[in-house]
Amino acid sequence: KEALKVWEDMNEAGIPADIYTYNALISACEKGDQWKEALKVLDHMKAVGVPGDDHTNKVLIRASKKYGAHQWQNVKEVQERMMRQMNKL
């Protein structure tokens, strides 16, 4: 939750996040059992045009293992969206 608070403060101050910031946030959410928050961060990445990278995929895969098969569909959908977005750049 602390990482999400810092990110909110950055947004309010108009400081844009980069891929490293987003990856750190997603990783913190995964480690803190905040899967839904991680998906929100991914959606925000997409909205502002920051493509995911290999590290983003690794975190998603790690999270899918941690949270089980019921989350796999969400992970797969996010990865597919990221790949489509990366192909557009």
N, C-alpha and C. Protein backbone atom coordinates (compact mmCIF):
# COMPACT_ATOMS: atom_id res chain seq x y z
N LYS A 1 0.82 -1.20 0.00
CA LYS A 1 0.00 0.00 0.00
C LYS A 1 0.86 1.26 0.00
N GLU A 2 2.04 1.15 0.59
CA GLU A 2 2.93 2.31 0.63
C GLU A 2 3.37 2.71 -0.78
N ALA A 3 3.68 1.72 -1.61
CA ALA A 3 4.09 2.01 -2.99
C ALA A 3 2.96 2.68 -3.76
N LEU A 4 1.75 2.21 -3.55
CA LEU A 4 0.59 2.80 -4.24
C LEU A 4 0.37 4.24 -3.79
N LYS A 5 0.63 4.52 -2.52
CA LYS A 5 0.48 5.88 -2.01
C LYS A 5 1.51 6.81 -2.66
N VAL A 6 2.74 6.34 -2.79
CA VAL A 6 3.78 7.15 -3.44
C VAL A 6 3.38 7.42 -4.88
N TRP A 7 2.86 6.40 -5.56
CA TRP A 7 2.43 6.56 -6.95
C TRP A 7 1.30 7.59 -7.06
N GLU A 8 0.34 7.51 -6.14
CA GLU A 8 -0.75 8.50 -6.12
C GLU A 8 -0.20 9.92 -5.92
N ASP A 9 0.76 10.05 -5.03
CA ASP A 9 1.38 11.35 -4.79
C ASP A 9 2.10 11.85 -6.05
N MET A 10 2.77 10.93 -6.75
CA MET A 10 3.44 11.30 -8.00
C MET A 10 2.42 11.81 -9.02
N ASN A 11 1.31 11.08 -9.14
CA ASN A 11 0.27 11.49 -10.09
C ASN A 11 -0.28 12.87 -9.75
N GLU A 12 -0.54 13.10 -8.48
CA GLU A 12 -1.07 14.38 -8.05
C GLU A 12 -0.09 15.52 -8.31
N ALA A 13 1.22 15.21 -8.22
CA ALA A 13 2.25 16.23 -8.44
C ALA A 13 2.58 16.38 -9.92
N GLY A 14 1.95 15.56 -10.77
CA GLY A 14 2.20 15.64 -12.21
C GLY A 14 3.50 14.99 -12.65
N ILE A 15 4.04 14.09 -11.83
CA ILE A 15 5.28 13.40 -12.16
C ILE A 15 4.91 12.11 -12.89
N PRO A 16 5.28 11.99 -14.17
CA PRO A 16 4.90 10.79 -14.91
C PRO A 16 5.71 9.56 -14.49
N ALA A 17 5.05 8.44 -14.48
CA ALA A 17 5.72 7.18 -14.16
C ALA A 17 6.29 6.58 -15.44
N ASP A 18 7.40 5.86 -15.30
CA ASP A 18 7.98 5.16 -16.44
C ASP A 18 7.82 3.65 -16.22
N ILE A 19 8.36 2.87 -17.13
CA ILE A 19 8.20 1.42 -17.05
C ILE A 19 8.78 0.87 -15.75
N TYR A 20 9.86 1.46 -15.26
CA TYR A 20 10.48 0.98 -14.03
C TYR A 20 9.58 1.23 -12.82
N THR A 21 8.94 2.37 -12.82
CA THR A 21 8.00 2.70 -11.75
C THR A 21 6.82 1.74 -11.76
N TYR A 22 6.27 1.52 -12.97
CA TYR A 22 5.13 0.62 -13.08
C TYR A 22 5.51 -0.81 -12.69
N ASN A 23 6.66 -1.27 -13.13
CA ASN A 23 7.08 -2.62 -12.77
C ASN A 23 7.27 -2.76 -11.27
N ALA A 24 7.84 -1.74 -10.64
CA ALA A 24 8.01 -1.78 -9.18
C ALA A 24 6.66 -1.82 -8.48
N LEU A 25 5.71 -1.05 -8.98
CA LEU A 25 4.37 -1.05 -8.40
C LEU A 25 3.68 -2.40 -8.54
N ILE A 26 3.76 -2.96 -9.74
CA ILE A 26 3.12 -4.25 -9.98
C ILE A 26 3.76 -5.32 -9.11
N SER A 27 5.08 -5.29 -9.00
CA SER A 27 5.78 -6.25 -8.16
C SER A 27 5.40 -6.09 -6.69
N ALA A 28 5.30 -4.85 -6.23
CA ALA A 28 4.90 -4.60 -4.84
C ALA A 28 3.48 -5.10 -4.59
N CYS A 29 2.60 -4.89 -5.55
CA CYS A 29 1.22 -5.38 -5.40
C CYS A 29 1.19 -6.90 -5.33
N GLU A 30 1.98 -7.53 -6.19
CA GLU A 30 2.04 -9.00 -6.20
C GLU A 30 2.55 -9.52 -4.86
N LYS A 31 3.61 -8.91 -4.37
CA LYS A 31 4.19 -9.35 -3.10
C LYS A 31 3.27 -9.05 -1.92
N GLY A 32 2.46 -8.00 -2.05
CA GLY A 32 1.55 -7.62 -0.98
C GLY A 32 0.16 -8.21 -1.11
N ASP A 33 0.01 -9.22 -1.99
CA ASP A 33 -1.28 -9.89 -2.18
C ASP A 33 -2.38 -8.93 -2.61
N GLN A 34 -2.03 -7.99 -3.47
CA GLN A 34 -3.00 -7.01 -3.97
C GLN A 34 -3.14 -7.15 -5.48
N TRP A 35 -3.61 -8.32 -5.90
CA TRP A 35 -3.72 -8.64 -7.31
C TRP A 35 -4.61 -7.64 -8.06
N LYS A 36 -5.72 -7.28 -7.47
CA LYS A 36 -6.63 -6.34 -8.15
C LYS A 36 -5.96 -4.98 -8.36
N GLU A 37 -5.17 -4.56 -7.40
CA GLU A 37 -4.46 -3.29 -7.54
C GLU A 37 -3.43 -3.38 -8.66
N ALA A 38 -2.78 -4.54 -8.78
CA ALA A 38 -1.81 -4.73 -9.85
C ALA A 38 -2.49 -4.59 -11.21
N LEU A 39 -3.68 -5.14 -11.35
CA LEU A 39 -4.42 -5.02 -12.60
C LEU A 39 -4.79 -3.56 -12.88
N LYS A 40 -5.11 -2.81 -11.84
CA LYS A 40 -5.40 -1.39 -12.02
C LYS A 40 -4.17 -0.64 -12.53
N VAL A 41 -3.01 -0.99 -11.98
CA VAL A 41 -1.76 -0.36 -12.44
C VAL A 41 -1.53 -0.70 -13.91
N LEU A 42 -1.75 -1.97 -14.29
CA LEU A 42 -1.59 -2.36 -15.69
C LEU A 42 -2.54 -1.60 -16.60
N ASP A 43 -3.76 -1.43 -16.16
CA ASP A 43 -4.73 -0.67 -16.96
C ASP A 43 -4.28 0.78 -17.11
N HIS A 44 -3.72 1.34 -16.05
CA HIS A 44 -3.23 2.72 -16.11
C HIS A 44 -2.05 2.82 -17.08
N MET A 45 -1.16 1.83 -17.04
CA MET A 45 -0.04 1.80 -17.99
C MET A 45 -0.56 1.89 -19.41
N LYS A 46 -1.56 1.09 -19.69
CA LYS A 46 -2.12 1.06 -21.04
C LYS A 46 -2.74 2.41 -21.38
N ALA A 47 -3.46 2.98 -20.43
CA ALA A 47 -4.15 4.25 -20.67
C ALA A 47 -3.18 5.38 -21.00
N VAL A 48 -2.00 5.36 -20.39
CA VAL A 48 -1.04 6.44 -20.62
C VAL A 48 -0.01 6.07 -21.68
N GLY A 49 -0.14 4.88 -22.27
CA GLY A 49 0.73 4.49 -23.38
C GLY A 49 2.10 3.97 -23.01
N VAL A 50 2.25 3.43 -21.81
CA VAL A 50 3.52 2.82 -21.41
C VAL A 50 3.42 1.32 -21.65
N PRO A 51 4.18 0.79 -22.61
CA PRO A 51 4.10 -0.64 -22.89
C PRO A 51 4.81 -1.46 -21.82
N GLY A 52 4.29 -2.64 -21.57
CA GLY A 52 4.95 -3.56 -20.65
C GLY A 52 6.20 -4.14 -21.30
N ASP A 53 7.02 -4.79 -20.48
CA ASP A 53 8.23 -5.42 -21.00
C ASP A 53 8.36 -6.83 -20.42
N ASP A 54 9.51 -7.43 -20.60
CA ASP A 54 9.71 -8.79 -20.11
C ASP A 54 9.54 -8.89 -18.60
N HIS A 55 10.02 -7.87 -17.88
CA HIS A 55 9.88 -7.90 -16.42
C HIS A 55 8.40 -7.87 -16.03
N THR A 56 7.61 -7.08 -16.72
CA THR A 56 6.18 -7.01 -16.44
C THR A 56 5.56 -8.38 -16.62
N ASN A 57 5.93 -9.07 -17.69
CA ASN A 57 5.41 -10.42 -17.94
C ASN A 57 5.84 -11.38 -16.85
N LYS A 58 7.09 -11.28 -16.40
CA LYS A 58 7.58 -12.18 -15.35
C LYS A 58 6.78 -12.00 -14.06
N VAL A 59 6.49 -10.76 -13.72
CA VAL A 59 5.70 -10.49 -12.51
C VAL A 59 4.30 -11.07 -12.66
N LEU A 60 3.72 -10.92 -13.85
CA LEU A 60 2.38 -11.47 -14.09
C LEU A 60 2.38 -12.98 -13.97
N ILE A 61 3.40 -13.61 -14.51
CA ILE A 61 3.48 -15.07 -14.42
C ILE A 61 3.66 -15.50 -12.97
N ARG A 62 4.52 -14.80 -12.24
CA ARG A 62 4.74 -15.12 -10.82
C ARG A 62 3.43 -14.97 -10.04
N ALA A 63 2.68 -13.92 -10.35
CA ALA A 63 1.41 -13.69 -9.66
C ALA A 63 0.41 -14.79 -10.00
N SER A 64 0.41 -15.22 -11.25
CA SER A 64 -0.55 -16.26 -11.64
C SER A 64 -0.26 -17.56 -10.91
N LYS A 65 1.01 -17.86 -10.69
CA LYS A 65 1.37 -19.06 -9.93
C LYS A 65 0.94 -18.92 -8.47
N LYS A 66 1.12 -17.72 -7.96
CA LYS A 66 0.80 -17.46 -6.56
C LYS A 66 -0.70 -17.52 -6.29
N TYR A 67 -1.48 -16.96 -7.20
CA TYR A 67 -2.92 -16.85 -6.97
C TYR A 67 -3.71 -17.98 -7.59
N GLY A 68 -3.05 -18.86 -8.31
CA GLY A 68 -3.72 -20.04 -8.81
C GLY A 68 -4.39 -19.85 -10.16
N ALA A 69 -4.95 -20.94 -10.61
CA ALA A 69 -5.53 -21.00 -11.95
C ALA A 69 -6.69 -20.03 -12.14
N HIS A 70 -7.43 -19.72 -11.08
CA HIS A 70 -8.59 -18.84 -11.25
C HIS A 70 -8.20 -17.45 -11.71
N GLN A 71 -6.94 -17.06 -11.50
CA GLN A 71 -6.48 -15.75 -11.97
C GLN A 71 -5.79 -15.83 -13.32
N TRP A 72 -5.50 -17.04 -13.77
CA TRP A 72 -4.73 -17.19 -15.00
C TRP A 72 -5.39 -16.49 -16.18
N GLN A 73 -6.69 -16.59 -16.29
CA GLN A 73 -7.37 -15.95 -17.41
C GLN A 73 -7.13 -14.45 -17.40
N ASN A 74 -7.18 -13.83 -16.23
CA ASN A 74 -6.89 -12.39 -16.13
C ASN A 74 -5.47 -12.09 -16.60
N VAL A 75 -4.52 -12.90 -16.17
CA VAL A 75 -3.13 -12.70 -16.54
C VAL A 75 -2.96 -12.84 -18.05
N LYS A 76 -3.56 -13.88 -18.59
CA LYS A 76 -3.45 -14.13 -20.03
C LYS A 76 -4.05 -12.97 -20.83
N GLU A 77 -5.18 -12.45 -20.41
CA GLU A 77 -5.80 -11.32 -21.09
C GLU A 77 -4.90 -10.09 -21.04
N VAL A 78 -4.32 -9.84 -19.89
CA VAL A 78 -3.44 -8.68 -19.75
C VAL A 78 -2.21 -8.83 -20.63
N GLN A 79 -1.62 -10.03 -20.64
CA GLN A 79 -0.46 -10.25 -21.49
C GLN A 79 -0.80 -10.05 -22.96
N GLU A 80 -1.94 -10.54 -23.38
CA GLU A 80 -2.35 -10.37 -24.78
C GLU A 80 -2.53 -8.90 -25.12
N ARG A 81 -3.14 -8.13 -24.18
CA ARG A 81 -3.30 -6.69 -24.41
C ARG A 81 -1.94 -6.01 -24.52
N MET A 82 -1.00 -6.40 -23.65
CA MET A 82 0.32 -5.81 -23.66
C MET A 82 1.03 -6.11 -24.98
N MET A 83 0.92 -7.35 -25.46
CA MET A 83 1.58 -7.71 -26.71
C MET A 83 0.99 -6.92 -27.87
N ARG A 84 -0.31 -6.76 -27.90
CA ARG A 84 -0.94 -5.95 -28.96
C ARG A 84 -0.44 -4.53 -28.89
N GLN A 85 -0.34 -3.99 -27.68
CA GLN A 85 0.11 -2.61 -27.50
C GLN A 85 1.58 -2.47 -27.94
N MET A 86 2.41 -3.43 -27.60
CA MET A 86 3.83 -3.37 -27.96
C MET A 86 3.99 -3.45 -29.48
N ASN A 87 3.15 -4.21 -30.13
CA ASN A 87 3.23 -4.34 -31.58
C ASN A 87 2.83 -3.07 -32.30
N LYS A 88 2.05 -2.20 -31.64
CA LYS A 88 1.63 -0.94 -32.24
C LYS A 88 2.72 0.12 -32.21
N LEU A 89 3.69 -0.05 -31.32
CA LEU A 89 4.75 0.96 -31.18
C LEU A 89 5.81 0.82 -32.24
